[in-house]
Structures are given as structure tokens and as C-alpha cells.
């Protein structure tokens, strides 16, 4: 479950904060997509180096720059500073 920050900006009702993401698309990038999503289970924001390190640790290989960019685009992630967020979850971008 995505760890939402504790600010009054986000609804307290858990059903209002559900985010649905397609975990697999049936292509070669599924393995990287899965690793990236798993990182969001324990964190609200994830850095590129963490995604790369976790991919190497779990899969024995990291995605190329092209693969990395495609996975992030397909997942709808947004970058702010050095961190990636699931679109609409970073401070000031909540869509209701």
C-alpha cells in the first residue's frame, strides 16, 4: 500500500486515496515495472538510484536508460527534484 504523507491536503478516507496501476503489460519491461512498484509499497517517493540498485539486486540487471524512461512513463510517474512520485500524489498535485 502506498504510504501517503500525513497532511490535511489528502482525504482521510482510504477509498478516496486508491490508486490503480497495471502491474504487467506482457512485455519485457514487466520485470522492471514490478520492481519499481514494489518500492512504492514502502515509500511515498523513490529515487532513480534506488530503482536501479533494487533492479540489480532482484533481477541481476538494471534497465537501460531507454527502458527506465519507458517504465516510468508507462507508470505515470512524476519527477520532483531527485525523487519520483506516482502522478497526483506529490504535494500540491492531488486531483479530486
Protein backbone atom coordinates (compact mmCIF):
# COMPACT_ATOMS: atom_id res chain seq x y z
CA UNK A 1 0.00 0.00 0.00
CA UNK A 2 1.28 3.46 -0.89
CA UNK A 3 2.42 5.35 2.19
CA UNK A 4 0.59 8.69 1.90
CA UNK A 5 2.12 11.69 3.63
CA UNK A 6 0.22 12.87 6.67
CA UNK A 7 -1.05 16.28 5.62
CA UNK A 8 -4.53 17.74 5.60
CA UNK A 9 -4.31 18.00 1.81
CA UNK A 10 -5.15 14.31 1.41
CA UNK A 11 -8.59 12.87 2.24
CA UNK A 12 -8.70 10.76 5.39
CA UNK A 13 -10.99 8.24 3.69
CA UNK A 14 -8.81 5.41 2.33
CA UNK A 15 -11.23 4.72 -0.54
CA UNK A 16 -10.64 8.26 -1.81
CA UNK A 17 -6.91 7.59 -1.99
CA UNK A 18 -6.94 4.41 -4.05
CA UNK A 19 -4.60 4.28 -7.00
CA UNK A 20 -4.89 1.57 -9.61
CA UNK A 21 -1.84 0.67 -11.66
CA UNK A 22 -1.44 -2.03 -14.30
CA UNK A 23 1.39 -4.18 -13.00
CA UNK A 24 2.06 -6.20 -16.16
CA UNK A 25 1.62 -5.44 -19.84
CA UNK A 26 3.02 -8.72 -21.13
CA UNK A 27 6.30 -7.30 -22.37
CA UNK A 28 9.99 -7.43 -21.43
CA UNK A 29 9.66 -4.38 -19.16
CA UNK A 30 7.27 -6.12 -16.75
CA UNK A 31 10.15 -7.21 -14.54
CA UNK A 32 11.36 -3.61 -14.07
CA UNK A 33 7.80 -2.33 -13.65
CA UNK A 34 7.22 -4.85 -10.87
CA UNK A 35 10.43 -3.91 -9.01
CA UNK A 36 9.56 -0.21 -9.28
CA UNK A 37 6.03 -0.68 -7.96
CA UNK A 38 7.28 -2.83 -5.09
CA UNK A 39 9.47 0.09 -3.99
CA UNK A 40 6.38 2.29 -3.70
CA UNK A 41 4.82 -0.17 -1.25
CA UNK A 42 7.15 1.12 1.42
CA UNK A 43 7.78 4.70 0.31
CA UNK A 44 5.94 7.74 -0.96
CA UNK A 45 8.83 8.82 -3.18
CA UNK A 46 11.61 6.81 -4.82
CA UNK A 47 14.95 7.95 -6.23
CA UNK A 48 16.37 6.71 -9.55
CA UNK A 49 19.42 5.19 -7.89
CA UNK A 50 17.18 3.15 -5.59
CA UNK A 51 15.22 1.78 -8.57
CA UNK A 52 18.47 0.86 -10.34
CA UNK A 53 20.03 -0.74 -7.25
CA UNK A 54 16.90 -2.75 -6.44
CA UNK A 55 16.67 -3.96 -10.05
CA UNK A 56 20.28 -5.16 -9.92
CA UNK A 57 19.67 -6.84 -6.57
CA UNK A 58 16.42 -8.60 -7.51
CA UNK A 59 16.92 -9.23 -11.23
CA UNK A 60 20.69 -9.25 -11.58
CA UNK A 61 20.49 -6.42 -14.10
CA UNK A 62 19.36 -2.80 -14.23
CA UNK A 63 17.25 -1.31 -17.02
CA UNK A 64 18.93 0.70 -19.75
CA UNK A 65 18.18 4.42 -19.78
CA UNK A 66 15.62 3.86 -22.53
CA UNK A 67 13.91 1.02 -20.62
CA UNK A 68 13.96 3.03 -17.40
CA UNK A 69 12.33 6.05 -19.05
CA UNK A 70 9.67 3.90 -20.73
CA UNK A 71 8.73 2.16 -17.46
CA UNK A 72 8.42 5.48 -15.62
CA UNK A 73 6.32 6.93 -18.44
CA UNK A 74 4.03 3.88 -18.56
CA UNK A 75 3.53 4.01 -14.79
CA UNK A 76 2.67 7.70 -14.95
CA UNK A 77 5.36 8.75 -12.52
CA UNK A 78 6.25 12.40 -11.97
CA UNK A 79 9.65 13.72 -11.03
CA UNK A 80 10.22 16.43 -8.46
CA UNK A 81 13.84 17.08 -7.56
CA UNK A 82 15.64 13.74 -7.29
CA UNK A 83 12.52 11.71 -6.48
CA UNK A 84 9.77 10.05 -8.47
CA UNK A 85 6.14 10.08 -7.31
CA UNK A 86 3.02 8.36 -8.56
CA UNK A 87 1.20 11.04 -10.55
CA UNK A 88 -1.15 13.11 -8.42
CA UNK A 89 0.32 12.09 -5.07
CA UNK A 90 3.06 14.64 -4.56
CA UNK A 91 2.28 17.73 -2.53
CA UNK A 92 0.22 20.25 -4.45
CA UNK A 93 -0.86 17.87 -7.23
CA UNK A 94 -3.77 15.99 -5.65
CA UNK A 95 -6.64 15.75 -8.09
CA UNK A 96 -10.09 15.33 -6.60
